[in-house]
Amino acid sequence: MSLPDTCYFLKPEPGGDDLFTVADLLAAKGFELSQSRTSIVARLAAKDLLRDHGPRCLLNWGPLNESVLPDNTPRDVLLDTLRYQLNRCQPTASLLVIDPYLFPPRPDADYRTDLVSLLDPAVRAGLRLDIATGRTHNAALMADVLSDLRAINPAVIPTVKLTDDFHDRFWIADGVRGLFIGTSINGIGRRYAIADYLEDEDAIAINARYAAVP
C-alpha cells in the first residue's frame, strides 16, 4: 500500500448510510472514498519512512519547544514568554530556581518587580520555593525580594543556597520538569538568548545536584 502525500479530513464525520451517500457523490466526481484505523495508517506511514529515509528520520523527530529571546525586544514581551513556559511546566509542589546572577550587583530599575512577578504564581499557590544563586550576590536585593515574597504569602519561606557549583540558569518544577534559560532575568532582552524545556531526566539530575549542595 502506498500512502498519499496529502490527506483530507471530513467533518463532521459521516456514519451509516451518510457515508455511502458521500462515497457515491465522490465517485461521480472521479474520487474513491476509503477508510482505515488511525493506528494502521500510522504504522504504514512509519514503515514507508523507515524504508525510504532510514530510522534517523523518526528518531530525530521532536517538538520544537524552544523560545527565542531576541535582543532589543520589549522586556514585558520576553517576560510573558517565560511566564508561559513556566506555566507549561505546571509546578504543583515546588519550584527550584538556579541562577548564579539572580541577585545582580546593579539590577535594572524594574528588576525586583519583574523577578517577583515571575515567582508570584508559585508563592501565591503555596509551593515550596528553592533558590540557588552565587556566593557573590546583592544581599540587599535578595532581602528585598524575599520580603516581597513573604508579603504575598507568609506561609512560604524560600530556601536559599549560596553556591558557585552552577554556571547556567534552570527553573525546575516539582523536581522533574523545567526550563533552561540562556540569560539571567536582569539581562533579558540585552543580548540574543534562548529558553528551552529540559528533558525530564536532565531536570531530575539537576535537581539532585542541587539537593547535594550543602
C-alpha atoms as a PDB file:
ATOM      1  CA  MET A   1       0.000   0.000   0.000  1.00  0.00           C
ATOM      2  CA  SER A   2       1.342   3.414  -0.930  1.00  0.00           C
ATOM      3  CA  LEU A   3       0.215   6.320   1.223  1.00  0.00           C
ATOM      4  CA  PRO A   4      -0.781   9.598  -0.471  1.00  0.00           C
ATOM      5  CA  ASP A   5       1.256  12.742   0.105  1.00  0.00           C
ATOM      6  CA  THR A   6      -1.880  14.653   1.100  1.00  0.00           C
ATOM      7  CA  CYS A   7      -4.657  13.536   3.426  1.00  0.00           C
ATOM      8  CA  TYR A   8      -8.135  15.044   3.533  1.00  0.00           C
ATOM      9  CA  PHE A   9     -10.443  15.073   6.529  1.00  0.00           C
ATOM     10  CA  LEU A  10     -14.228  15.369   6.514  1.00  0.00           C
ATOM     11  CA  LYS A  11     -16.056  16.938   9.465  1.00  0.00           C
ATOM     12  CA  PRO A  12     -18.487  16.139  10.875  1.00  0.00           C
ATOM     13  CA  GLU A  13     -17.616  12.524  10.205  1.00  0.00           C
ATOM     14  CA  PRO A  14     -20.448  10.756   8.350  1.00  0.00           C
ATOM     15  CA  GLY A  15     -21.742   7.433   9.558  1.00  0.00           C
ATOM     16  CA  GLY A  16     -24.030   4.678   8.365  1.00  0.00           C
ATOM     17  CA  ASP A  17     -25.978   5.476   5.208  1.00  0.00           C
ATOM     18  CA  ASP A  18     -24.497   9.012   5.140  1.00  0.00           C
ATOM     19  CA  LEU A  19     -21.096   7.526   4.390  1.00  0.00           C
ATOM     20  CA  PHE A  20     -22.407   5.677   1.354  1.00  0.00           C
ATOM     21  CA  THR A  21     -24.092   8.844   0.116  1.00  0.00           C
ATOM     22  CA  VAL A  22     -20.805  10.735   0.374  1.00  0.00           C
ATOM     23  CA  ALA A  23     -18.998   7.857  -1.358  1.00  0.00           C
ATOM     24  CA  ASP A  24     -21.486   7.943  -4.263  1.00  0.00           C
ATOM     25  CA  LEU A  25     -21.103  11.707  -4.629  1.00  0.00           C
ATOM     26  CA  LEU A  26     -17.313  11.431  -4.689  1.00  0.00           C
ATOM     27  CA  ALA A  27     -17.420   8.507  -7.139  1.00  0.00           C
ATOM     28  CA  ALA A  28     -19.454  10.643  -9.527  1.00  0.00           C
ATOM     29  CA  LYS A  29     -16.611  13.158  -9.465  1.00  0.00           C
ATOM     30  CA  GLY A  30     -13.950  10.520 -10.033  1.00  0.00           C
ATOM     31  CA  PHE A  31     -12.827  10.090  -6.411  1.00  0.00           C
ATOM     32  CA  GLU A  32     -12.761   6.986  -4.264  1.00  0.00           C
ATOM     33  CA  LEU A  33     -13.628   7.137  -0.551  1.00  0.00           C
ATOM     34  CA  SER A  34     -11.976   4.621   1.752  1.00  0.00           C
ATOM     35  CA  GLN A  35     -11.393   4.365   5.481  1.00  0.00           C
ATOM     36  CA  SER A  36      -8.896   2.772   7.844  1.00  0.00           C
ATOM     37  CA  ARG A  37      -7.985   2.834  11.515  1.00  0.00           C
ATOM     38  CA  THR A  38      -5.620   5.636  12.555  1.00  0.00           C
ATOM     39  CA  SER A  39      -3.210   3.133  14.126  1.00  0.00           C
ATOM     40  CA  ILE A  40      -2.953   1.211  10.848  1.00  0.00           C
ATOM     41  CA  VAL A  41      -2.319   4.370   8.825  1.00  0.00           C
ATOM     42  CA  ALA A  42       0.354   5.475  11.327  1.00  0.00           C
ATOM     43  CA  ARG A  43       2.140   2.121  11.148  1.00  0.00           C
ATOM     44  CA  LEU A  44       2.082   2.141   7.365  1.00  0.00           C
ATOM     45  CA  ALA A  45       3.408   5.709   7.299  1.00  0.00           C
ATOM     46  CA  ALA A  46       6.219   4.775   9.695  1.00  0.00           C
ATOM     47  CA  LYS A  47       7.054   1.733   7.566  1.00  0.00           C
ATOM     48  CA  ASP A  48       7.329   3.886   4.425  1.00  0.00           C
ATOM     49  CA  LEU A  49       9.500   6.455   6.220  1.00  0.00           C
ATOM     50  CA  LEU A  50      11.844   3.759   7.554  1.00  0.00           C
ATOM     51  CA  ARG A  51      12.135   2.181   4.110  1.00  0.00           C
ATOM     52  CA  ASP A  52      12.712   5.440   2.251  1.00  0.00           C
ATOM     53  CA  HIS A  53      14.713   7.507   4.773  1.00  0.00           C
ATOM     54  CA  GLY A  54      16.032   5.161   7.455  1.00  0.00           C
ATOM     55  CA  PRO A  55      15.435   5.147  11.226  1.00  0.00           C
ATOM     56  CA  ARG A  56      17.045   8.577  11.806  1.00  0.00           C
ATOM     57  CA  CYS A  57      14.053  10.281  10.216  1.00  0.00           C
ATOM     58  CA  LEU A  58      11.915   9.052  13.126  1.00  0.00           C
ATOM     59  CA  LEU A  59      14.464   9.080  15.926  1.00  0.00           C
ATOM     60  CA  ASN A  60      15.330  12.717  15.242  1.00  0.00           C
ATOM     61  CA  TRP A  61      11.747  13.904  15.387  1.00  0.00           C
ATOM     62  CA  GLY A  62      10.688  16.003  18.326  1.00  0.00           C
ATOM     63  CA  PRO A  63       8.578  19.037  19.155  1.00  0.00           C
ATOM     64  CA  LEU A  64      10.095  22.455  18.620  1.00  0.00           C
ATOM     65  CA  ASN A  65       9.754  23.746  22.155  1.00  0.00           C
ATOM     66  CA  GLU A  66      12.374  26.447  22.478  1.00  0.00           C
ATOM     67  CA  SER A  67      11.595  30.145  22.539  1.00  0.00           C
ATOM     68  CA  VAL A  68      13.956  32.769  21.169  1.00  0.00           C
ATOM     69  CA  LEU A  69      14.519  35.763  23.431  1.00  0.00           C
ATOM     70  CA  PRO A  70      15.719  38.369  20.912  1.00  0.00           C
ATOM     71  CA  ASP A  71      17.691  41.420  21.867  1.00  0.00           C
ATOM     72  CA  ASN A  72      16.045  44.819  21.515  1.00  0.00           C
ATOM     73  CA  THR A  73      12.640  43.288  22.323  1.00  0.00           C
ATOM     74  CA  PRO A  74      10.360  44.889  24.923  1.00  0.00           C
ATOM     75  CA  ARG A  75      11.115  43.335  28.284  1.00  0.00           C
ATOM     76  CA  ASP A  76       7.473  42.660  29.122  1.00  0.00           C
ATOM     77  CA  VAL A  77       7.106  40.596  25.939  1.00  0.00           C
ATOM     78  CA  LEU A  78      10.045  38.374  26.896  1.00  0.00           C
ATOM     79  CA  LEU A  79       8.808  38.037  30.469  1.00  0.00           C
ATOM     80  CA  ASP A  80       5.416  36.931  29.169  1.00  0.00           C
ATOM     81  CA  THR A  81       7.203  34.246  27.150  1.00  0.00           C
ATOM     82  CA  LEU A  82       8.899  32.953  30.294  1.00  0.00           C
ATOM     83  CA  ARG A  83       5.624  33.061  32.233  1.00  0.00           C
ATOM     84  CA  TYR A  84       4.001  30.968  29.538  1.00  0.00           C
ATOM     85  CA  GLN A  85       6.798  28.412  29.591  1.00  0.00           C
ATOM     86  CA  LEU A  86       6.816  28.222  33.380  1.00  0.00           C
ATOM     87  CA  ASN A  87       3.074  27.696  33.335  1.00  0.00           C
ATOM     88  CA  ARG A  88       3.527  24.829  30.885  1.00  0.00           C
ATOM     89  CA  CYS A  89       5.921  23.197  33.348  1.00  0.00           C
ATOM     90  CA  GLN A  90       2.910  23.060  35.717  1.00  0.00           C
ATOM     91  CA  PRO A  91       4.578  23.238  39.154  1.00  0.00           C
ATOM     92  CA  THR A  92       2.261  21.732  41.744  1.00  0.00           C
ATOM     93  CA  ALA A  93       4.513  21.192  44.757  1.00  0.00           C
ATOM     94  CA  SER A  94       7.793  23.048  44.303  1.00  0.00           C
ATOM     95  CA  LEU A  95       9.768  25.438  42.149  1.00  0.00           C
ATOM     96  CA  LEU A  96      13.560  25.437  42.050  1.00  0.00           C
ATOM     97  CA  VAL A  97      15.363  28.476  40.623  1.00  0.00           C
ATOM     98  CA  ILE A  98      19.060  28.086  39.841  1.00  0.00           C
ATOM     99  CA  ASP A  99      20.704  31.283  38.659  1.00  0.00           C
ATOM    100  CA  PRO A 100      24.195  32.422  39.694  1.00  0.00           C
ATOM    101  CA  TYR A 101      23.202  36.021  38.905  1.00  0.00           C
ATOM    102  CA  LEU A 102      19.677  36.067  40.291  1.00  0.00           C
ATOM    103  CA  PHE A 103      20.590  38.974  42.578  1.00  0.00           C
ATOM    104  CA  PRO A 104      22.938  41.098  40.455  1.00  0.00           C
ATOM    105  CA  PRO A 105      25.005  43.961  41.886  1.00  0.00           C
ATOM    106  CA  ARG A 106      23.483  46.537  39.506  1.00  0.00           C
ATOM    107  CA  PRO A 107      19.896  45.488  38.752  1.00  0.00           C
ATOM    108  CA  ASP A 108      17.695  47.327  36.298  1.00  0.00           C
ATOM    109  CA  ALA A 109      15.151  49.685  37.798  1.00  0.00           C
ATOM    110  CA  ASP A 110      12.268  47.233  37.328  1.00  0.00           C
ATOM    111  CA  TYR A 111      14.212  44.051  38.028  1.00  0.00           C
ATOM    112  CA  ARG A 112      12.929  43.490  41.555  1.00  0.00           C
ATOM    113  CA  THR A 113       9.318  43.834  40.392  1.00  0.00           C
ATOM    114  CA  ASP A 114       9.913  41.606  37.346  1.00  0.00           C
ATOM    115  CA  LEU A 115      11.535  38.834  39.361  1.00  0.00           C
ATOM    116  CA  VAL A 116       8.806  38.851  41.991  1.00  0.00           C
ATOM    117  CA  SER A 117       6.156  38.744  39.256  1.00  0.00           C
ATOM    118  CA  LEU A 118       7.704  35.551  37.834  1.00  0.00           C
ATOM    119  CA  LEU A 119       7.772  33.911  41.261  1.00  0.00           C
ATOM    120  CA  ASP A 120       4.361  35.219  42.299  1.00  0.00           C
ATOM    121  CA  PRO A 121       2.192  32.333  40.974  1.00  0.00           C
ATOM    122  CA  ALA A 122       4.241  29.672  42.757  1.00  0.00           C
ATOM    123  CA  VAL A 123       4.371  31.634  46.001  1.00  0.00           C
ATOM    124  CA  ARG A 124       0.688  32.515  45.871  1.00  0.00           C
ATOM    125  CA  ALA A 125      -0.109  28.820  45.355  1.00  0.00           C
ATOM    126  CA  GLY A 126       1.912  27.947  48.450  1.00  0.00           C
ATOM    127  CA  LEU A 127       4.551  25.907  46.640  1.00  0.00           C
ATOM    128  CA  ARG A 128       7.962  25.236  48.145  1.00  0.00           C
ATOM    129  CA  LEU A 129      10.448  27.690  46.669  1.00  0.00           C
ATOM    130  CA  ASP A 130      14.134  26.794  46.479  1.00  0.00           C
ATOM    131  CA  ILE A 131      16.774  29.190  45.170  1.00  0.00           C
ATOM    132  CA  ALA A 132      20.415  28.591  44.299  1.00  0.00           C
ATOM    133  CA  THR A 133      22.490  31.644  43.478  1.00  0.00           C
ATOM    134  CA  GLY A 134      26.124  32.715  43.503  1.00  0.00           C
ATOM    135  CA  ARG A 135      28.113  33.424  46.626  1.00  0.00           C
ATOM    136  CA  THR A 136      28.839  36.873  45.221  1.00  0.00           C
ATOM    137  CA  HIS A 137      25.414  38.482  45.113  1.00  0.00           C
ATOM    138  CA  ASN A 138      23.459  41.591  46.021  1.00  0.00           C
ATOM    139  CA  ALA A 139      22.431  40.802  49.595  1.00  0.00           C
ATOM    140  CA  ALA A 140      20.203  43.865  49.899  1.00  0.00           C
ATOM    141  CA  LEU A 141      18.312  42.980  46.719  1.00  0.00           C
ATOM    142  CA  MET A 142      17.904  39.391  47.876  1.00  0.00           C
ATOM    143  CA  ALA A 143      16.489  40.567  51.205  1.00  0.00           C
ATOM    144  CA  ASP A 144      14.057  42.876  49.411  1.00  0.00           C
ATOM    145  CA  VAL A 145      12.839  40.137  47.049  1.00  0.00           C
ATOM    146  CA  LEU A 146      12.376  37.652  49.892  1.00  0.00           C
ATOM    147  CA  SER A 147      10.461  40.297  51.807  1.00  0.00           C
ATOM    148  CA  ASP A 148       8.185  40.867  48.797  1.00  0.00           C
ATOM    149  CA  LEU A 149       7.544  37.134  48.518  1.00  0.00           C
ATOM    150  CA  ARG A 150       6.678  36.840  52.209  1.00  0.00           C
ATOM    151  CA  ALA A 151       4.200  39.691  51.750  1.00  0.00           C
ATOM    152  CA  ILE A 152       2.478  37.680  49.006  1.00  0.00           C
ATOM    153  CA  ASN A 153       2.261  34.516  51.117  1.00  0.00           C
ATOM    154  CA  PRO A 154       3.745  34.481  54.645  1.00  0.00           C
ATOM    155  CA  ALA A 155       3.446  30.686  54.705  1.00  0.00           C
ATOM    156  CA  VAL A 156       6.096  30.319  52.002  1.00  0.00           C
ATOM    157  CA  ILE A 157       9.633  30.579  53.358  1.00  0.00           C
ATOM    158  CA  PRO A 158      12.095  30.274  50.455  1.00  0.00           C
ATOM    159  CA  THR A 159      15.252  28.229  50.919  1.00  0.00           C
ATOM    160  CA  VAL A 160      18.346  29.966  49.531  1.00  0.00           C
ATOM    161  CA  LYS A 161      21.635  28.177  48.883  1.00  0.00           C
ATOM    162  CA  LEU A 162      24.723  30.217  48.030  1.00  0.00           C
ATOM    163  CA  THR A 163      26.899  28.167  45.716  1.00  0.00           C
ATOM    164  CA  ASP A 164      29.196  28.560  42.739  1.00  0.00           C
ATOM    165  CA  ASP A 165      28.556  24.998  41.524  1.00  0.00           C
ATOM    166  CA  PHE A 166      26.214  26.092  38.738  1.00  0.00           C
ATOM    167  CA  HIS A 167      27.043  28.070  35.631  1.00  0.00           C
ATOM    168  CA  ASP A 168      23.728  28.062  33.758  1.00  0.00           C
ATOM    169  CA  ARG A 169      20.188  29.026  34.716  1.00  0.00           C
ATOM    170  CA  PHE A 170      17.466  26.465  35.357  1.00  0.00           C
ATOM    171  CA  TRP A 171      13.907  26.726  36.614  1.00  0.00           C
ATOM    172  CA  ILE A 172      12.602  23.295  37.658  1.00  0.00           C
ATOM    173  CA  ALA A 173       9.062  22.351  38.655  1.00  0.00           C
ATOM    174  CA  ASP A 174       8.445  19.514  41.108  1.00  0.00           C
ATOM    175  CA  GLY A 175      11.983  18.262  40.585  1.00  0.00           C
ATOM    176  CA  VAL A 176      11.160  16.687  37.228  1.00  0.00           C
ATOM    177  CA  ARG A 177      10.161  19.342  34.667  1.00  0.00           C
ATOM    178  CA  GLY A 178      11.940  22.546  33.831  1.00  0.00           C
ATOM    179  CA  LEU A 179      13.471  25.196  31.673  1.00  0.00           C
ATOM    180  CA  PHE A 180      16.946  26.143  30.611  1.00  0.00           C
ATOM    181  CA  ILE A 181      17.150  29.936  30.310  1.00  0.00           C
ATOM    182  CA  GLY A 182      20.123  31.298  28.437  1.00  0.00           C
ATOM    183  CA  THR A 183      20.214  34.625  30.238  1.00  0.00           C
ATOM    184  CA  SER A 184      19.620  35.898  33.729  1.00  0.00           C
ATOM    185  CA  ILE A 185      16.350  37.745  34.176  1.00  0.00           C
ATOM    186  CA  ASN A 186      18.235  41.007  34.659  1.00  0.00           C
ATOM    187  CA  GLY A 187      19.882  40.586  31.256  1.00  0.00           C
ATOM    188  CA  ILE A 188      16.826  39.503  29.314  1.00  0.00           C
ATOM    189  CA  GLY A 189      16.493  41.497  26.108  1.00  0.00           C
ATOM    190  CA  ARG A 190      20.043  42.822  26.184  1.00  0.00           C
ATOM    191  CA  ARG A 191      21.554  40.000  24.169  1.00  0.00           C
ATOM    192  CA  TYR A 192      20.144  37.304  21.939  1.00  0.00           C
ATOM    193  CA  ALA A 193      19.272  34.263  24.057  1.00  0.00           C
ATOM    194  CA  ILE A 194      17.044  31.215  24.152  1.00  0.00           C
ATOM    195  CA  ALA A 195      14.788  29.450  26.638  1.00  0.00           C
ATOM    196  CA  ASP A 196      14.099  25.756  26.168  1.00  0.00           C
ATOM    197  CA  TYR A 197      12.385  22.940  28.023  1.00  0.00           C
ATOM    198  CA  LEU A 198      14.621  20.422  29.752  1.00  0.00           C
ATOM    199  CA  GLU A 199      14.350  16.706  29.187  1.00  0.00           C
ATOM    200  CA  ASP A 200      12.814  15.178  32.303  1.00  0.00           C
ATOM    201  CA  GLU A 201      15.919  13.117  33.052  1.00  0.00           C
ATOM    202  CA  ASP A 202      18.066  16.257  32.873  1.00  0.00           C
ATOM    203  CA  ALA A 203      15.720  18.135  35.191  1.00  0.00           C
ATOM    204  CA  ILE A 204      15.873  15.239  37.660  1.00  0.00           C
ATOM    205  CA  ALA A 205      19.693  15.187  37.505  1.00  0.00           C
ATOM    206  CA  ILE A 206      19.964  18.950  38.036  1.00  0.00           C
ATOM    207  CA  ASN A 207      17.517  18.795  40.937  1.00  0.00           C
ATOM    208  CA  ALA A 208      19.586  16.003  42.508  1.00  0.00           C
ATOM    209  CA  ARG A 209      22.751  18.073  42.092  1.00  0.00           C
ATOM    210  CA  TYR A 210      21.045  20.987  43.828  1.00  0.00           C
ATOM    211  CA  ALA A 211      19.960  18.697  46.674  1.00  0.00           C
ATOM    212  CA  ALA A 212      23.599  17.663  47.138  1.00  0.00           C
ATOM    213  CA  VAL A 213      24.702  21.261  47.711  1.00  0.00           C
ATOM    214  CA  PRO A 214      25.237  21.780  51.456  1.00  0.00           C
END
